[in-house]
PDB file of N, CA and C in Angstrom:
ATOM      1  N   UNK A   1     -45.067 -24.691   3.252  1.00  0.00           N
ATOM      2  CA  UNK A   1     -45.619 -23.978   4.370  1.00  0.00           C
ATOM      3  C   UNK A   1     -44.704 -24.164   5.582  1.00  0.00           C
ATOM      4  N   UNK A   2     -44.253 -23.071   6.128  1.00  0.00           N
ATOM      5  CA  UNK A   2     -43.357 -23.116   7.282  1.00  0.00           C
ATOM      6  C   UNK A   2     -44.193 -23.220   8.563  1.00  0.00           C
ATOM      7  N   UNK A   3     -43.920 -24.244   9.401  1.00  0.00           N
ATOM      8  CA  UNK A   3     -44.722 -24.398  10.627  1.00  0.00           C
ATOM      9  C   UNK A   3     -44.448 -23.286  11.632  1.00  0.00           C
ATOM     10  N   UNK A   4     -45.483 -22.914  12.368  1.00  0.00           N
ATOM     11  CA  UNK A   4     -45.333 -21.962  13.467  1.00  0.00           C
ATOM     12  C   UNK A   4     -44.789 -22.731  14.662  1.00  0.00           C
ATOM     13  N   UNK A   5     -43.931 -22.086  15.445  1.00  0.00           N
ATOM     14  CA  UNK A   5     -43.272 -22.742  16.572  1.00  0.00           C
ATOM     15  C   UNK A   5     -43.989 -22.433  17.880  1.00  0.00           C
ATOM     16  N   UNK A   6     -44.194 -23.474  18.692  1.00  0.00           N
ATOM     17  CA  UNK A   6     -44.758 -23.331  20.034  1.00  0.00           C
ATOM     18  C   UNK A   6     -43.836 -24.089  20.982  1.00  0.00           C
ATOM     19  N   UNK A   7     -43.448 -23.438  22.082  1.00  0.00           N
ATOM     20  CA  UNK A   7     -42.566 -24.073  23.057  1.00  0.00           C
ATOM     21  C   UNK A   7     -43.283 -24.122  24.403  1.00  0.00           C
ATOM     22  N   UNK A   8     -43.312 -25.310  25.008  1.00  0.00           N
ATOM     23  CA  UNK A   8     -43.992 -25.518  26.288  1.00  0.00           C
ATOM     24  C   UNK A   8     -43.083 -26.270  27.253  1.00  0.00           C
ATOM     25  N   UNK A   9     -43.344 -26.112  28.518  1.00  0.00           N
ATOM     26  CA  UNK A   9     -42.747 -26.984  29.532  1.00  0.00           C
ATOM     27  C   UNK A   9     -43.778 -28.057  29.847  1.00  0.00           C
ATOM     28  N   UNK A  10     -43.315 -29.160  30.417  1.00  0.00           N
ATOM     29  CA  UNK A  10     -44.250 -30.216  30.809  1.00  0.00           C
ATOM     30  C   UNK A  10     -45.293 -29.647  31.763  1.00  0.00           C
ATOM     31  N   UNK A  11     -46.553 -29.923  31.499  1.00  0.00           N
ATOM     32  CA  UNK A  11     -47.645 -29.433  32.337  1.00  0.00           C
ATOM     33  C   UNK A  11     -48.203 -28.094  31.904  1.00  0.00           C
ATOM     34  N   UNK A  12     -47.445 -27.316  31.122  1.00  0.00           N
ATOM     35  CA  UNK A  12     -47.931 -26.018  30.645  1.00  0.00           C
ATOM     36  C   UNK A  12     -49.028 -26.196  29.605  1.00  0.00           C
ATOM     37  N   UNK A  13     -49.899 -25.163  29.517  1.00  0.00           N
ATOM     38  CA  UNK A  13     -50.949 -25.157  28.512  1.00  0.00           C
ATOM     39  C   UNK A  13     -50.795 -23.945  27.602  1.00  0.00           C
ATOM     40  N   UNK A  14     -51.204 -24.123  26.363  1.00  0.00           N
ATOM     41  CA  UNK A  14     -51.176 -23.051  25.373  1.00  0.00           C
ATOM     42  C   UNK A  14     -52.550 -23.009  24.723  1.00  0.00           C
ATOM     43  N   UNK A  15     -53.159 -21.832  24.670  1.00  0.00           N
ATOM     44  CA  UNK A  15     -54.469 -21.683  24.027  1.00  0.00           C
ATOM     45  C   UNK A  15     -54.263 -21.175  22.606  1.00  0.00           C
ATOM     46  N   UNK A  16     -54.683 -21.983  21.663  1.00  0.00           N
ATOM     47  CA  UNK A  16     -54.553 -21.658  20.248  1.00  0.00           C
ATOM     48  C   UNK A  16     -55.916 -21.196  19.740  1.00  0.00           C
ATOM     49  N   UNK A  17     -56.016 -19.911  19.367  1.00  0.00           N
ATOM     50  CA  UNK A  17     -57.281 -19.347  18.897  1.00  0.00           C
ATOM     51  C   UNK A  17     -57.355 -19.469  17.376  1.00  0.00           C
ATOM     52  N   UNK A  18     -58.495 -19.969  16.908  1.00  0.00           N
ATOM     53  CA  UNK A  18     -58.709 -20.195  15.482  1.00  0.00           C
ATOM     54  C   UNK A  18     -59.986 -19.492  15.039  1.00  0.00           C
ATOM     55  N   UNK A  19     -59.894 -18.794  13.921  1.00  0.00           N
ATOM     56  CA  UNK A  19     -61.051 -18.057  13.419  1.00  0.00           C
ATOM     57  C   UNK A  19     -62.193 -19.017  13.095  1.00  0.00           C
ATOM     58  N   UNK A  20     -63.384 -18.683  13.576  1.00  0.00           N
ATOM     59  CA  UNK A  20     -64.551 -19.534  13.381  1.00  0.00           C
ATOM     60  C   UNK A  20     -65.175 -19.406  12.003  1.00  0.00           C
ATOM     61  N   UNK A  21     -65.667 -20.531  11.494  1.00  0.00           N
ATOM     62  CA  UNK A  21     -66.358 -20.579  10.199  1.00  0.00           C
ATOM     63  C   UNK A  21     -67.526 -21.565  10.236  1.00  0.00           C
ATOM     64  N   UNK A  22     -68.020 -21.881  11.435  1.00  0.00           N
ATOM     65  CA  UNK A  22     -69.011 -22.956  11.558  1.00  0.00           C
ATOM     66  C   UNK A  22     -70.345 -22.632  10.905  1.00  0.00           C
ATOM     67  N   UNK A  23     -70.708 -21.362  10.752  1.00  0.00           N
ATOM     68  CA  UNK A  23     -71.993 -21.050  10.134  1.00  0.00           C
ATOM     69  C   UNK A  23     -72.007 -21.413   8.651  1.00  0.00           C
ATOM     70  N   UNK A  24     -70.834 -21.602   8.054  1.00  0.00           N
ATOM     71  CA  UNK A  24     -70.775 -22.026   6.646  1.00  0.00           C
ATOM     72  C   UNK A  24     -70.410 -23.513   6.536  1.00  0.00           C
ATOM     73  N   UNK A  25     -70.446 -24.227   7.663  1.00  0.00           N
ATOM     74  CA  UNK A  25     -70.205 -25.663   7.653  1.00  0.00           C
ATOM     75  C   UNK A  25     -68.768 -26.073   7.880  1.00  0.00           C
ATOM     76  N   UNK A  26     -67.862 -25.116   7.991  1.00  0.00           N
ATOM     77  CA  UNK A  26     -66.449 -25.443   8.196  1.00  0.00           C
ATOM     78  C   UNK A  26     -66.156 -25.689   9.668  1.00  0.00           C
ATOM     79  N   UNK A  27     -65.236 -26.604   9.924  1.00  0.00           N
ATOM     80  CA  UNK A  27     -64.814 -26.905  11.287  1.00  0.00           C
ATOM     81  C   UNK A  27     -63.322 -27.215  11.283  1.00  0.00           C
ATOM     82  N   UNK A  28     -62.627 -26.760  12.335  1.00  0.00           N
ATOM     83  CA  UNK A  28     -61.205 -27.085  12.474  1.00  0.00           C
ATOM     84  C   UNK A  28     -61.081 -28.531  12.919  1.00  0.00           C
ATOM     85  N   UNK A  29     -60.290 -29.318  12.203  1.00  0.00           N
ATOM     86  CA  UNK A  29     -60.100 -30.732  12.513  1.00  0.00           C
ATOM     87  C   UNK A  29     -58.620 -31.012  12.738  1.00  0.00           C
ATOM     88  N   UNK A  30     -58.329 -31.745  13.811  1.00  0.00           N
ATOM     89  CA  UNK A  30     -56.954 -32.124  14.123  1.00  0.00           C
ATOM     90  C   UNK A  30     -56.595 -33.321  13.254  1.00  0.00           C
ATOM     91  N   UNK A  31     -55.541 -33.181  12.450  1.00  0.00           N
ATOM     92  CA  UNK A  31     -55.145 -34.256  11.546  1.00  0.00           C
ATOM     93  C   UNK A  31     -54.102 -35.166  12.167  1.00  0.00           C
ATOM     94  N   UNK A  32     -53.177 -34.611  12.892  1.00  0.00           N
ATOM     95  CA  UNK A  32     -52.168 -35.455  13.528  1.00  0.00           C
ATOM     96  C   UNK A  32     -51.507 -34.737  14.691  1.00  0.00           C
ATOM     97  N   UNK A  33     -51.114 -35.516  15.665  1.00  0.00           N
ATOM     98  CA  UNK A  33     -50.311 -35.056  16.794  1.00  0.00           C
ATOM     99  C   UNK A  33     -49.883 -36.318  17.535  1.00  0.00           C
ATOM    100  N   UNK A  34     -48.929 -36.194  18.420  1.00  0.00           N
ATOM    101  CA  UNK A  34     -48.458 -37.328  19.205  1.00  0.00           C
ATOM    102  C   UNK A  34     -49.026 -37.174  20.611  1.00  0.00           C
ATOM    103  N   UNK A  35     -50.020 -37.995  20.956  1.00  0.00           N
ATOM    104  CA  UNK A  35     -50.698 -37.824  22.241  1.00  0.00           C
ATOM    105  C   UNK A  35     -49.872 -38.268  23.439  1.00  0.00           C
ATOM    106  N   UNK A  36     -48.657 -38.743  23.201  1.00  0.00           N
ATOM    107  CA  UNK A  36     -47.749 -39.040  24.318  1.00  0.00           C
ATOM    108  C   UNK A  36     -46.948 -37.788  24.708  1.00  0.00           C
ATOM    109  N   UNK A  37     -46.797 -36.858  23.755  1.00  0.00           N
ATOM    110  CA  UNK A  37     -46.023 -35.639  24.001  1.00  0.00           C
ATOM    111  C   UNK A  37     -46.931 -34.462  24.331  1.00  0.00           C
ATOM    112  N   UNK A  38     -48.049 -34.324  23.624  1.00  0.00           N
ATOM    113  CA  UNK A  38     -48.995 -33.237  23.888  1.00  0.00           C
ATOM    114  C   UNK A  38     -50.427 -33.763  23.888  1.00  0.00           C
ATOM    115  N   UNK A  39     -51.266 -33.074  24.623  1.00  0.00           N
ATOM    116  CA  UNK A  39     -52.703 -33.314  24.610  1.00  0.00           C
ATOM    117  C   UNK A  39     -53.329 -32.126  23.895  1.00  0.00           C
ATOM    118  N   UNK A  40     -54.227 -32.379  22.928  1.00  0.00           N
ATOM    119  CA  UNK A  40     -54.886 -31.301  22.190  1.00  0.00           C
ATOM    120  C   UNK A  40     -56.391 -31.503  22.314  1.00  0.00           C
ATOM    121  N   UNK A  41     -57.075 -30.499  22.897  1.00  0.00           N
ATOM    122  CA  UNK A  41     -58.521 -30.598  23.097  1.00  0.00           C
ATOM    123  C   UNK A  41     -59.182 -29.278  22.745  1.00  0.00           C
ATOM    124  N   UNK A  42     -60.426 -29.366  22.278  1.00  0.00           N
ATOM    125  CA  UNK A  42     -61.219 -28.165  22.044  1.00  0.00           C
ATOM    126  C   UNK A  42     -61.719 -27.666  23.390  1.00  0.00           C
ATOM    127  N   UNK A  43     -61.655 -26.358  23.607  1.00  0.00           N
ATOM    128  CA  UNK A  43     -62.132 -25.772  24.863  1.00  0.00           C
ATOM    129  C   UNK A  43     -63.580 -25.343  24.676  1.00  0.00           C
ATOM    130  N   UNK A  44     -64.498 -26.222  25.028  1.00  0.00           N
ATOM    131  CA  UNK A  44     -65.920 -25.951  24.833  1.00  0.00           C
ATOM    132  C   UNK A  44     -66.439 -24.881  25.776  1.00  0.00           C
ATOM    133  N   UNK A  45     -65.842 -24.759  26.963  1.00  0.00           N
ATOM    134  CA  UNK A  45     -66.284 -23.742  27.917  1.00  0.00           C
ATOM    135  C   UNK A  45     -66.069 -22.348  27.341  1.00  0.00           C
ATOM    136  N   UNK A  46     -64.896 -22.102  26.765  1.00  0.00           N
ATOM    137  CA  UNK A  46     -64.618 -20.791  26.169  1.00  0.00           C
ATOM    138  C   UNK A  46     -65.543 -20.548  24.984  1.00  0.00           C
ATOM    139  N   UNK A  47     -65.810 -21.589  24.206  1.00  0.00           N
ATOM    140  CA  UNK A  47     -66.678 -21.421  23.043  1.00  0.00           C
ATOM    141  C   UNK A  47     -68.082 -20.988  23.440  1.00  0.00           C
ATOM    142  N   UNK A  48     -68.587 -21.462  24.578  1.00  0.00           N
ATOM    143  CA  UNK A  48     -69.930 -21.065  24.996  1.00  0.00           C
ATOM    144  C   UNK A  48     -69.927 -19.671  25.636  1.00  0.00           C
ATOM    145  N   UNK A  49     -68.822 -19.276  26.244  1.00  0.00           N
ATOM    146  CA  UNK A  49     -68.729 -17.950  26.860  1.00  0.00           C
ATOM    147  C   UNK A  49     -68.622 -16.865  25.784  1.00  0.00           C
ATOM    148  N   UNK A  50     -67.835 -17.126  24.741  1.00  0.00           N
ATOM    149  CA  UNK A  50     -67.603 -16.134  23.692  1.00  0.00           C
ATOM    150  C   UNK A  50     -68.710 -16.208  22.645  1.00  0.00           C
ATOM    151  N   UNK A  51     -69.892 -15.784  23.009  1.00  0.00           N
ATOM    152  CA  UNK A  51     -71.023 -15.850  22.088  1.00  0.00           C
ATOM    153  C   UNK A  51     -70.857 -14.788  21.010  1.00  0.00           C
ATOM    154  N   UNK A  52     -70.839 -15.211  19.748  1.00  0.00           N
ATOM    155  CA  UNK A  52     -70.674 -14.238  18.670  1.00  0.00           C
ATOM    156  C   UNK A  52     -71.975 -13.496  18.378  1.00  0.00           C
ATOM    157  N   UNK A  53     -71.863 -12.454  17.591  1.00  0.00           N
ATOM    158  CA  UNK A  53     -73.036 -11.734  17.123  1.00  0.00           C
ATOM    159  C   UNK A  53     -73.849 -12.684  16.246  1.00  0.00           C
ATOM    160  N   UNK A  54     -75.155 -12.490  16.151  1.00  0.00           N
ATOM    161  CA  UNK A  54     -75.968 -13.362  15.297  1.00  0.00           C
ATOM    162  C   UNK A  54     -75.421 -13.391  13.861  1.00  0.00           C
ATOM    163  N   UNK A  55     -75.319 -14.611  13.307  1.00  0.00           N
ATOM    164  CA  UNK A  55     -74.816 -14.783  11.948  1.00  0.00           C
ATOM    165  C   UNK A  55     -73.310 -14.911  11.849  1.00  0.00           C
ATOM    166  N   UNK A  56     -72.596 -14.693  12.969  1.00  0.00           N
ATOM    167  CA  UNK A  56     -71.140 -14.798  12.971  1.00  0.00           C
ATOM    168  C   UNK A  56     -70.743 -16.061  13.728  1.00  0.00           C
ATOM    169  N   UNK A  57     -69.778 -16.777  13.197  1.00  0.00           N
ATOM    170  CA  UNK A  57     -69.316 -18.010  13.830  1.00  0.00           C
ATOM    171  C   UNK A  57     -68.451 -17.700  15.051  1.00  0.00           C
ATOM    172  N   UNK A  58     -68.570 -18.540  16.107  1.00  0.00           N
ATOM    173  CA  UNK A  58     -67.653 -18.362  17.243  1.00  0.00           C
ATOM    174  C   UNK A  58     -66.257 -18.827  16.851  1.00  0.00           C
ATOM    175  N   UNK A  59     -65.262 -18.158  17.394  1.00  0.00           N
ATOM    176  CA  UNK A  59     -63.886 -18.604  17.163  1.00  0.00           C
ATOM    177  C   UNK A  59     -63.654 -19.897  17.920  1.00  0.00           C
ATOM    178  N   UNK A  60     -62.776 -20.723  17.393  1.00  0.00           N
ATOM    179  CA  UNK A  60     -62.414 -21.974  18.052  1.00  0.00           C
ATOM    180  C   UNK A  60     -61.204 -21.774  18.939  1.00  0.00           C
ATOM    181  N   UNK A  61     -61.112 -22.582  19.971  1.00  0.00           N
ATOM    182  CA  UNK A  61     -59.955 -22.545  20.870  1.00  0.00           C
ATOM    183  C   UNK A  61     -59.506 -23.979  21.102  1.00  0.00           C
ATOM    184  N   UNK A  62     -58.241 -24.241  20.820  1.00  0.00           N
ATOM    185  CA  UNK A  62     -57.650 -25.535  21.138  1.00  0.00           C
ATOM    186  C   UNK A  62     -56.719 -25.350  22.329  1.00  0.00           C
ATOM    187  N   UNK A  63     -56.812 -26.251  23.287  1.00  0.00           N
ATOM    188  CA  UNK A  63     -55.917 -26.236  24.438  1.00  0.00           C
ATOM    189  C   UNK A  63     -54.848 -27.297  24.191  1.00  0.00           C
ATOM    190  N   UNK A  64     -53.597 -26.859  24.113  1.00  0.00           N
ATOM    191  CA  UNK A  64     -52.467 -27.769  23.904  1.00  0.00           C
ATOM    192  C   UNK A  64     -51.712 -27.843  25.222  1.00  0.00           C
ATOM    193  N   UNK A  65     -51.547 -29.047  25.753  1.00  0.00           N
ATOM    194  CA  UNK A  65     -50.839 -29.219  27.013  1.00  0.00           C
ATOM    195  C   UNK A  65     -49.623 -30.109  26.805  1.00  0.00           C
ATOM    196  N   UNK A  66     -48.481 -29.656  27.316  1.00  0.00           N
ATOM    197  CA  UNK A  66     -47.254 -30.441  27.237  1.00  0.00           C
ATOM    198  C   UNK A  66     -47.293 -31.590  28.226  1.00  0.00           C
ATOM    199  N   UNK A  67     -47.133 -32.825  27.734  1.00  0.00           N
ATOM    200  CA  UNK A  67     -47.191 -34.004  28.603  1.00  0.00           C
ATOM    201  C   UNK A  67     -45.812 -34.567  28.919  1.00  0.00           C
ATOM    202  N   UNK A  68     -44.984 -34.701  27.885  1.00  0.00           N
ATOM    203  CA  UNK A  68     -43.642 -35.244  28.108  1.00  0.00           C
ATOM    204  C   UNK A  68     -42.668 -34.600  27.132  1.00  0.00           C
ATOM    205  N   UNK A  69     -41.387 -34.656  27.469  1.00  0.00           N
ATOM    206  CA  UNK A  69     -40.346 -34.024  26.670  1.00  0.00           C
ATOM    207  C   UNK A  69     -40.311 -34.597  25.260  1.00  0.00           C
ATOM    208  N   UNK A  70     -40.207 -33.710  24.274  1.00  0.00           N
ATOM    209  CA  UNK A  70     -40.109 -34.140  22.884  1.00  0.00           C
ATOM    210  C   UNK A  70     -40.590 -33.063  21.943  1.00  0.00           C
ATOM    211  N   UNK A  71     -40.664 -33.429  20.673  1.00  0.00           N
ATOM    212  CA  UNK A  71     -41.100 -32.495  19.642  1.00  0.00           C
ATOM    213  C   UNK A  71     -42.170 -33.197  18.802  1.00  0.00           C
ATOM    214  N   UNK A  72     -43.197 -32.459  18.420  1.00  0.00           N
ATOM    215  CA  UNK A  72     -44.297 -33.020  17.639  1.00  0.00           C
ATOM    216  C   UNK A  72     -44.780 -31.989  16.618  1.00  0.00           C
ATOM    217  N   UNK A  73     -45.243 -32.489  15.502  1.00  0.00           N
ATOM    218  CA  UNK A  73     -45.844 -31.632  14.489  1.00  0.00           C
ATOM    219  C   UNK A  73     -47.358 -31.783  14.600  1.00  0.00           C
ATOM    220  N   UNK A  74     -48.051 -30.666  14.749  1.00  0.00           N
ATOM    221  CA  UNK A  74     -49.506 -30.651  14.840  1.00  0.00           C
ATOM    222  C   UNK A  74     -50.046 -30.027  13.566  1.00  0.00           C
ATOM    223  N   UNK A  75     -50.915 -30.741  12.875  1.00  0.00           N
ATOM    224  CA  UNK A  75     -51.548 -30.236  11.664  1.00  0.00           C
ATOM    225  C   UNK A  75     -53.048 -30.159  11.910  1.00  0.00           C
ATOM    226  N   UNK A  76     -53.628 -28.997  11.627  1.00  0.00           N
ATOM    227  CA  UNK A  76     -55.080 -28.854  11.726  1.00  0.00           C
ATOM    228  C   UNK A  76     -55.596 -28.317  10.395  1.00  0.00           C
ATOM    229  N   UNK A  77     -56.789 -28.769  10.043  1.00  0.00           N
ATOM    230  CA  UNK A  77     -57.380 -28.390   8.762  1.00  0.00           C
ATOM    231  C   UNK A  77     -58.757 -27.787   8.983  1.00  0.00           C
ATOM    232  N   UNK A  78     -59.046 -26.759   8.209  1.00  0.00           N
ATOM    233  CA  UNK A  78     -60.370 -26.154   8.199  1.00  0.00           C
ATOM    234  C   UNK A  78     -61.112 -26.758   7.012  1.00  0.00           C
ATOM    235  N   UNK A  79     -62.135 -27.573   7.301  1.00  0.00           N
ATOM    236  CA  UNK A  79     -62.853 -28.214   6.200  1.00  0.00           C
ATOM    237  C   UNK A  79     -64.267 -28.574   6.620  1.00  0.00           C
ATOM    238  N   UNK A  80     -65.068 -28.823   5.614  1.00  0.00           N
ATOM    239  CA  UNK A  80     -66.420 -29.337   5.839  1.00  0.00           C
ATOM    240  C   UNK A  80     -66.334 -30.851   5.902  1.00  0.00           C
ATOM    241  N   UNK A  81     -67.153 -31.462   6.746  1.00  0.00           N
ATOM    242  CA  UNK A  81     -67.083 -32.909   6.955  1.00  0.00           C
ATOM    243  C   UNK A  81     -67.379 -33.705   5.695  1.00  0.00           C
ATOM    244  N   UNK A  82     -68.131 -33.141   4.766  1.00  0.00           N
ATOM    245  CA  UNK A  82     -68.496 -33.859   3.547  1.00  0.00           C
ATOM    246  C   UNK A  82     -67.549 -33.593   2.374  1.00  0.00           C
ATOM    247  N   UNK A  83     -66.524 -32.791   2.595  1.00  0.00           N
ATOM    248  CA  UNK A  83     -65.560 -32.490   1.536  1.00  0.00           C
ATOM    249  C   UNK A  83     -64.194 -33.091   1.871  1.00  0.00           C
ATOM    250  N   UNK A  84     -63.451 -33.456   0.828  1.00  0.00           N
ATOM    251  CA  UNK A  84     -62.125 -34.038   1.024  1.00  0.00           C
ATOM    252  C   UNK A  84     -61.022 -32.993   1.121  1.00  0.00           C
ATOM    253  N   UNK A  85     -61.161 -31.909   0.367  1.00  0.00           N
ATOM    254  CA  UNK A  85     -60.104 -30.899   0.311  1.00  0.00           C
ATOM    255  C   UNK A  85     -60.325 -29.814   1.369  1.00  0.00           C
ATOM    256  N   UNK A  86     -59.319 -29.578   2.233  1.00  0.00           N
ATOM    257  CA  UNK A  86     -59.454 -28.523   3.243  1.00  0.00           C
ATOM    258  C   UNK A  86     -59.387 -27.128   2.621  1.00  0.00           C
ATOM    259  N   UNK A  87     -60.083 -26.209   3.240  1.00  0.00           N
ATOM    260  CA  UNK A  87     -60.056 -24.803   2.831  1.00  0.00           C
ATOM    261  C   UNK A  87     -58.753 -24.143   3.283  1.00  0.00           C
ATOM    262  N   UNK A  88     -58.269 -24.577   4.455  1.00  0.00           N
ATOM    263  CA  UNK A  88     -57.047 -24.001   5.027  1.00  0.00           C
ATOM    264  C   UNK A  88     -56.337 -25.063   5.858  1.00  0.00           C
ATOM    265  N   UNK A  89     -55.018 -25.025   5.860  1.00  0.00           N
ATOM    266  CA  UNK A  89     -54.210 -25.949   6.670  1.00  0.00           C
ATOM    267  C   UNK A  89     -53.242 -25.113   7.508  1.00  0.00           C
ATOM    268  N   UNK A  90     -53.157 -25.442   8.794  1.00  0.00           N
ATOM    269  CA  UNK A  90     -52.189 -24.790   9.688  1.00  0.00           C
ATOM    270  C   UNK A  90     -51.306 -25.868  10.287  1.00  0.00           C
ATOM    271  N   UNK A  91     -50.003 -25.586  10.327  1.00  0.00           N
ATOM    272  CA  UNK A  91     -49.030 -26.543  10.844  1.00  0.00           C
ATOM    273  C   UNK A  91     -48.249 -25.870  11.971  1.00  0.00           C
ATOM    274  N   UNK A  92     -48.104 -26.604  13.082  1.00  0.00           N
ATOM    275  CA  UNK A  92     -47.381 -26.110  14.246  1.00  0.00           C
ATOM    276  C   UNK A  92     -46.320 -27.129  14.639  1.00  0.00           C
ATOM    277  N   UNK A  93     -45.154 -26.646  14.982  1.00  0.00           N
ATOM    278  CA  UNK A  93     -44.082 -27.486  15.506  1.00  0.00           C
ATOM    279  C   UNK A  93     -44.006 -27.177  17.007  1.00  0.00           C
ATOM    280  N   UNK A  94     -44.325 -28.186  17.816  1.00  0.00           N
ATOM    281  CA  UNK A  94     -44.417 -27.984  19.258  1.00  0.00           C
ATOM    282  C   UNK A  94     -43.260 -28.706  19.956  1.00  0.00           C
ATOM    283  N   UNK A  95     -42.533 -27.966  20.774  1.00  0.00           N
ATOM    284  CA  UNK A  95     -41.448 -28.529  21.561  1.00  0.00           C
ATOM    285  C   UNK A  95     -41.840 -28.491  23.027  1.00  0.00           C
ATOM    286  N   UNK A  96     -41.747 -29.648  23.677  1.00  0.00           N
ATOM    287  CA  UNK A  96     -42.018 -29.725  25.119  1.00  0.00           C
ATOM    288  C   UNK A  96     -40.693 -30.026  25.805  1.00  0.00           C
ATOM    289  N   UNK A  97     -40.327 -29.210  26.785  1.00  0.00           N
ATOM    290  CA  UNK A  97     -39.047 -29.379  27.482  1.00  0.00           C
ATOM    291  C   UNK A  97     -39.261 -29.629  28.958  1.00  0.00           C
TER     292      UNK A  97
END
């Protein structure tokens, strides 16, 4: 799997939109990142504003902020908390300059 590239300057933010699957028990989980180079947080405010139609899961939004110069690999998995195998894996290569 070839990672998607994201380039940020220190202090910049990037909003990563992820298709929602929470009504079927799936949730996007951050598997690894370097918290000295980037900060990765779920944007709960956007999630409450973007109310989906009944029966449809809201899309997820991760806010990635460049903290210090460097490169980091961010891996996120779509999985149910009670299962070991993820349904989907996304990999991002983030460069902060």
